[in-house]
Amino acid sequence: MPVVVMGMAGTRWTDRAGRIGGAVYDFGVEREWLARPAGRLLWGTDARRLNASIRAIRELPDGAAVLDVPCGGGVALRGARPGIRYVAADISRDMLTRTRRRAARRGVDIELAEADVVRMPFADGEFDLCVTFNGLHCLPDPATAVREMAGCVRPGGRLVGDTIVRGAGLRQDVAIGMFRRAGLFGPGGTTAAFERWLDGAGLLIDRLDVSGAVAHFAATRPGVIGS
């Protein structure tokens, strides 16, 4: 599993989450019996929607390339399979270590990249699919991150993922405020703001569904290869 190391061009937005919340999050999200009631209680969402989005990885044809950023502890690895190039990127070495271990347990061959999501070390259009799960709301500049992710996928490629959004309800907004004060969440945004970020990145929105405080989305980079 090769590792690409890049200079950190901004806030190390996952350091604290990686050391404090990473282990708790990994434990919960991998166990549906815990993830479903926790997701419903905290965010008013159906955690099974995450698994449905992860299937986009497994549905890629052989030879396709997928970028998982920020990969966190490797939750999306459940969608990885032989025949697909899988690159897991994160600014947190702790998260990359978790991902490496999870990939080894699953017997999945992946590449690891330590990189800042607002300055990623990948060529324009290098990937067929970029996935981003449970991470955009942690970033200090999510709009720029979305533009960077969009640039990594080829024309006709997709960006698929989810993010926690404000405005779903008082209980959820209070929880978001608590996580922000703890330094675990960034400024985030509403569903409307997130839609503007996708549009501003030049993406065509295929799907934007909100389940409680979690927005699930899929968007396509317009154009065709070679255009």
Protein backbone atom coordinates (compact mmCIF):
# COMPACT_ATOMS: atom_id res chain seq x y z
CA MET A 1 0.00 0.00 0.00
CA PRO A 2 2.02 3.01 -1.21
CA VAL A 3 1.68 6.28 0.66
CA VAL A 4 1.84 9.71 -1.00
CA VAL A 5 2.86 12.41 1.50
CA MET A 6 1.99 16.04 0.77
CA GLY A 7 2.63 19.25 2.66
CA MET A 8 -0.26 20.41 4.80
CA ALA A 9 -1.66 23.59 3.26
CA GLY A 10 -4.12 24.57 5.95
CA THR A 11 -5.73 23.51 9.18
CA ARG A 12 -5.23 19.89 10.12
CA TRP A 13 -8.96 19.50 10.26
CA THR A 14 -9.02 15.84 11.30
CA ASP A 15 -6.30 15.73 13.93
CA ARG A 16 -8.57 16.13 16.92
CA ALA A 17 -11.30 13.97 15.43
CA GLY A 18 -8.74 11.30 14.59
CA ARG A 19 -7.45 11.05 18.13
CA ILE A 20 -10.65 11.60 20.10
CA GLY A 21 -13.64 10.75 17.99
CA GLY A 22 -12.17 8.41 15.42
CA ALA A 23 -12.23 5.26 17.51
CA VAL A 24 -15.76 5.90 18.76
CA TYR A 25 -17.04 6.71 15.27
CA ASP A 26 -15.39 3.66 13.70
CA PHE A 27 -16.84 1.37 16.34
CA GLY A 28 -20.36 2.70 15.83
CA VAL A 29 -20.54 3.07 12.07
CA GLU A 30 -19.33 -0.48 11.44
CA ARG A 31 -22.07 -1.96 13.63
CA GLU A 32 -25.54 -1.44 12.17
CA TRP A 33 -27.25 -2.41 15.42
CA LEU A 34 -25.56 0.63 16.97
CA ALA A 35 -25.35 2.96 13.96
CA ARG A 36 -29.08 2.89 13.22
CA PRO A 37 -30.38 3.98 16.64
CA ALA A 38 -27.49 6.41 17.14
CA GLY A 39 -28.09 8.00 13.75
CA ARG A 40 -31.79 8.28 14.44
CA LEU A 41 -31.27 9.73 17.92
CA LEU A 42 -28.51 12.21 17.10
CA TRP A 43 -29.29 13.26 13.52
CA GLY A 44 -32.79 11.95 12.87
CA THR A 45 -31.44 9.91 9.96
CA ASP A 46 -31.55 6.34 8.66
CA ALA A 47 -27.95 5.11 8.80
CA ARG A 48 -28.70 2.46 6.18
CA ARG A 49 -28.55 5.20 3.55
CA LEU A 50 -24.77 5.20 3.93
CA ASN A 51 -24.52 1.59 2.80
CA ALA A 52 -26.64 2.36 -0.25
CA SER A 53 -24.23 5.15 -1.27
CA ILE A 54 -21.17 2.95 -0.72
CA ARG A 55 -22.54 0.51 -3.30
CA ALA A 56 -21.52 3.04 -5.98
CA ILE A 57 -17.94 1.84 -5.48
CA ARG A 58 -18.72 -1.84 -5.97
CA GLU A 59 -20.72 -1.06 -9.12
CA LEU A 60 -17.69 0.44 -10.90
CA PRO A 61 -16.36 -1.60 -13.83
CA ASP A 62 -13.00 -3.37 -13.67
CA GLY A 63 -10.12 -0.97 -14.24
CA ALA A 64 -11.95 2.01 -12.76
CA ALA A 65 -10.34 4.31 -10.18
CA VAL A 66 -12.00 5.62 -7.03
CA LEU A 67 -10.82 8.32 -4.62
CA ASP A 68 -12.09 8.18 -1.03
CA VAL A 69 -11.53 11.54 0.71
CA PRO A 70 -11.46 12.17 3.59
CA CYS A 71 -11.29 8.42 4.11
CA GLY A 72 -11.48 8.61 7.90
CA GLY A 73 -11.10 5.14 9.36
CA GLY A 74 -12.00 3.44 6.08
CA VAL A 75 -15.77 3.07 6.36
CA ALA A 76 -16.13 3.02 2.56
CA LEU A 77 -13.77 0.07 2.20
CA ARG A 78 -16.77 -2.22 2.45
CA GLY A 79 -17.43 -1.22 -1.18
CA ALA A 80 -13.89 -1.96 -2.43
CA ARG A 81 -13.25 -5.03 -4.56
CA PRO A 82 -10.49 -6.53 -6.71
CA GLY A 83 -10.11 -4.96 -10.14
CA ILE A 84 -10.66 -1.38 -8.93
CA ARG A 85 -7.93 1.11 -8.08
CA TYR A 86 -8.84 2.44 -4.64
CA VAL A 87 -7.05 5.52 -3.26
CA ALA A 88 -7.80 6.54 0.33
CA ALA A 89 -6.77 10.11 1.17
CA ASP A 90 -6.83 11.97 4.47
CA ILE A 91 -4.84 14.71 6.18
CA SER A 92 -4.73 12.70 9.42
CA ARG A 93 -2.05 10.02 9.72
CA ASP A 94 -4.10 8.45 12.50
CA MET A 95 -7.02 7.98 10.12
CA LEU A 96 -4.75 6.60 7.40
CA THR A 97 -3.36 4.10 9.89
CA ARG A 98 -6.90 2.99 10.73
CA THR A 99 -7.71 2.65 7.04
CA ARG A 100 -4.54 0.65 6.37
CA ARG A 101 -5.42 -1.76 9.16
CA ARG A 102 -9.01 -2.12 8.00
CA ALA A 103 -7.88 -2.79 4.43
CA ALA A 104 -5.49 -5.47 5.68
CA ARG A 105 -8.28 -7.16 7.65
CA ARG A 106 -10.50 -7.14 4.56
CA GLY A 107 -7.71 -8.28 2.25
CA VAL A 108 -8.16 -5.20 0.07
CA ASP A 109 -5.24 -3.71 -1.87
CA ILE A 110 -5.36 0.10 -1.68
CA GLU A 111 -3.18 3.18 -2.02
CA LEU A 112 -2.91 5.71 0.81
CA ALA A 113 -2.36 9.44 0.33
CA GLU A 114 -1.71 11.93 3.13
CA ALA A 115 -3.05 15.14 1.62
CA ASP A 116 -4.93 18.34 2.30
CA VAL A 117 -8.37 18.18 0.70
CA VAL A 118 -8.13 21.79 -0.49
CA ARG A 119 -4.84 21.06 -2.31
CA MET A 120 -4.92 17.45 -3.44
CA PRO A 121 -1.97 15.78 -5.21
CA PHE A 122 -3.95 14.21 -8.05
CA ALA A 123 -4.19 14.95 -11.75
CA ASP A 124 -7.26 16.56 -13.22
CA GLY A 125 -9.76 13.83 -14.10
CA GLU A 126 -7.66 11.04 -12.57
CA PHE A 127 -10.62 9.16 -11.07
CA ASP A 128 -13.90 7.74 -12.28
CA LEU A 129 -15.54 8.25 -8.89
CA CYS A 130 -14.83 10.31 -5.79
CA VAL A 131 -16.61 9.38 -2.59
CA THR A 132 -16.76 11.51 0.55
CA PHE A 133 -18.61 10.16 3.56
CA ASN A 134 -19.14 11.87 6.90
CA GLY A 135 -16.36 14.37 6.39
CA LEU A 136 -17.38 17.55 4.59
CA HIS A 137 -19.01 19.02 7.69
CA CYS A 138 -15.66 18.69 9.50
CA LEU A 139 -13.77 20.87 7.02
CA PRO A 140 -12.93 24.56 7.49
CA ASP A 141 -13.62 25.31 3.81
CA PRO A 142 -16.10 22.76 2.40
CA ALA A 143 -16.85 24.76 -0.76
CA THR A 144 -13.19 24.65 -1.83
CA ALA A 145 -13.02 20.98 -0.90
CA VAL A 146 -15.96 20.20 -3.18
CA ARG A 147 -14.26 22.04 -6.06
CA GLU A 148 -11.06 20.04 -5.50
CA MET A 149 -12.98 16.77 -5.44
CA ALA A 150 -14.84 17.71 -8.61
CA GLY A 151 -11.55 18.36 -10.38
CA CYS A 152 -10.28 14.90 -9.49
CA VAL A 153 -13.01 13.08 -11.41
CA ARG A 154 -13.02 12.70 -15.18
CA PRO A 155 -15.70 14.27 -17.37
CA GLY A 156 -18.69 12.01 -16.92
CA GLY A 157 -17.36 10.85 -13.55
CA ARG A 158 -19.23 11.31 -10.29
CA LEU A 159 -18.90 12.67 -6.78
CA VAL A 160 -20.97 10.68 -4.28
CA GLY A 161 -21.27 11.10 -0.53
CA ASP A 162 -23.04 12.70 2.38
CA THR A 163 -22.69 15.55 4.83
CA ILE A 164 -24.42 16.83 7.94
CA VAL A 165 -26.36 20.04 7.30
CA ARG A 166 -27.90 22.71 9.47
CA GLY A 167 -31.60 23.49 9.54
CA ALA A 168 -33.05 19.99 10.00
CA GLY A 169 -34.31 20.77 13.48
CA LEU A 170 -33.44 22.38 16.80
CA ARG A 171 -32.05 19.17 18.33
CA GLN A 172 -29.76 18.53 15.40
CA ASP A 173 -28.60 22.14 15.23
CA VAL A 174 -27.75 22.06 18.94
CA ALA A 175 -25.67 18.92 18.38
CA ILE A 176 -23.89 20.56 15.44
CA GLY A 177 -23.10 23.57 17.62
CA MET A 178 -21.65 21.34 20.31
CA PHE A 179 -19.40 19.55 17.84
CA ARG A 180 -18.27 22.88 16.40
CA ARG A 181 -17.35 24.22 19.84
CA ALA A 182 -15.41 21.01 20.49
CA GLY A 183 -13.42 21.62 17.31
CA LEU A 184 -14.74 18.49 15.59
CA PHE A 185 -16.97 20.23 13.02
CA GLY A 186 -16.22 23.11 10.68
CA PRO A 187 -18.65 25.86 9.68
CA GLY A 188 -20.79 23.50 7.60
CA GLY A 189 -23.87 24.80 5.88
CA THR A 190 -27.51 24.27 5.05
CA THR A 191 -28.82 22.02 2.27
CA ALA A 192 -29.23 25.10 0.06
CA ALA A 193 -25.61 26.12 0.70
CA PHE A 194 -24.38 22.64 -0.13
CA GLU A 195 -26.35 22.70 -3.38
CA ARG A 196 -24.59 25.96 -4.25
CA TRP A 197 -21.20 24.37 -3.54
CA LEU A 198 -21.92 21.51 -5.93
CA ASP A 199 -23.15 23.93 -8.58
CA GLY A 200 -20.16 26.22 -8.02
CA ALA A 201 -17.84 23.26 -8.60
CA GLY A 202 -19.39 22.80 -12.03
CA LEU A 203 -21.18 19.59 -11.10
CA LEU A 204 -24.60 18.49 -12.28
CA ILE A 205 -26.64 17.27 -9.31
CA ASP A 206 -28.14 13.85 -9.96
CA ARG A 207 -29.51 13.32 -6.45
CA LEU A 208 -29.70 15.39 -3.28
CA ASP A 209 -31.83 13.76 -0.59
CA VAL A 210 -32.01 14.80 3.03
CA SER A 211 -32.59 12.27 5.79
CA GLY A 212 -32.83 14.16 9.08
CA ALA A 213 -29.70 16.31 9.25
CA VAL A 214 -27.78 14.22 6.70
CA ALA A 215 -27.77 15.18 3.03
CA HIS A 216 -26.97 12.33 0.64
CA PHE A 217 -25.88 13.32 -2.84
CA ALA A 218 -24.57 12.20 -6.20
CA ALA A 219 -23.31 14.64 -8.82
CA THR A 220 -21.66 14.30 -12.24
CA ARG A 221 -18.84 16.28 -13.81
CA PRO A 222 -20.23 17.29 -17.22
CA GLY A 223 -18.48 16.58 -20.48
CA VAL A 224 -16.98 13.56 -22.15
CA ILE A 225 -13.48 12.12 -22.03
CA GLY A 226 -11.16 14.03 -24.33
CA SER A 227 -13.41 17.10 -24.53
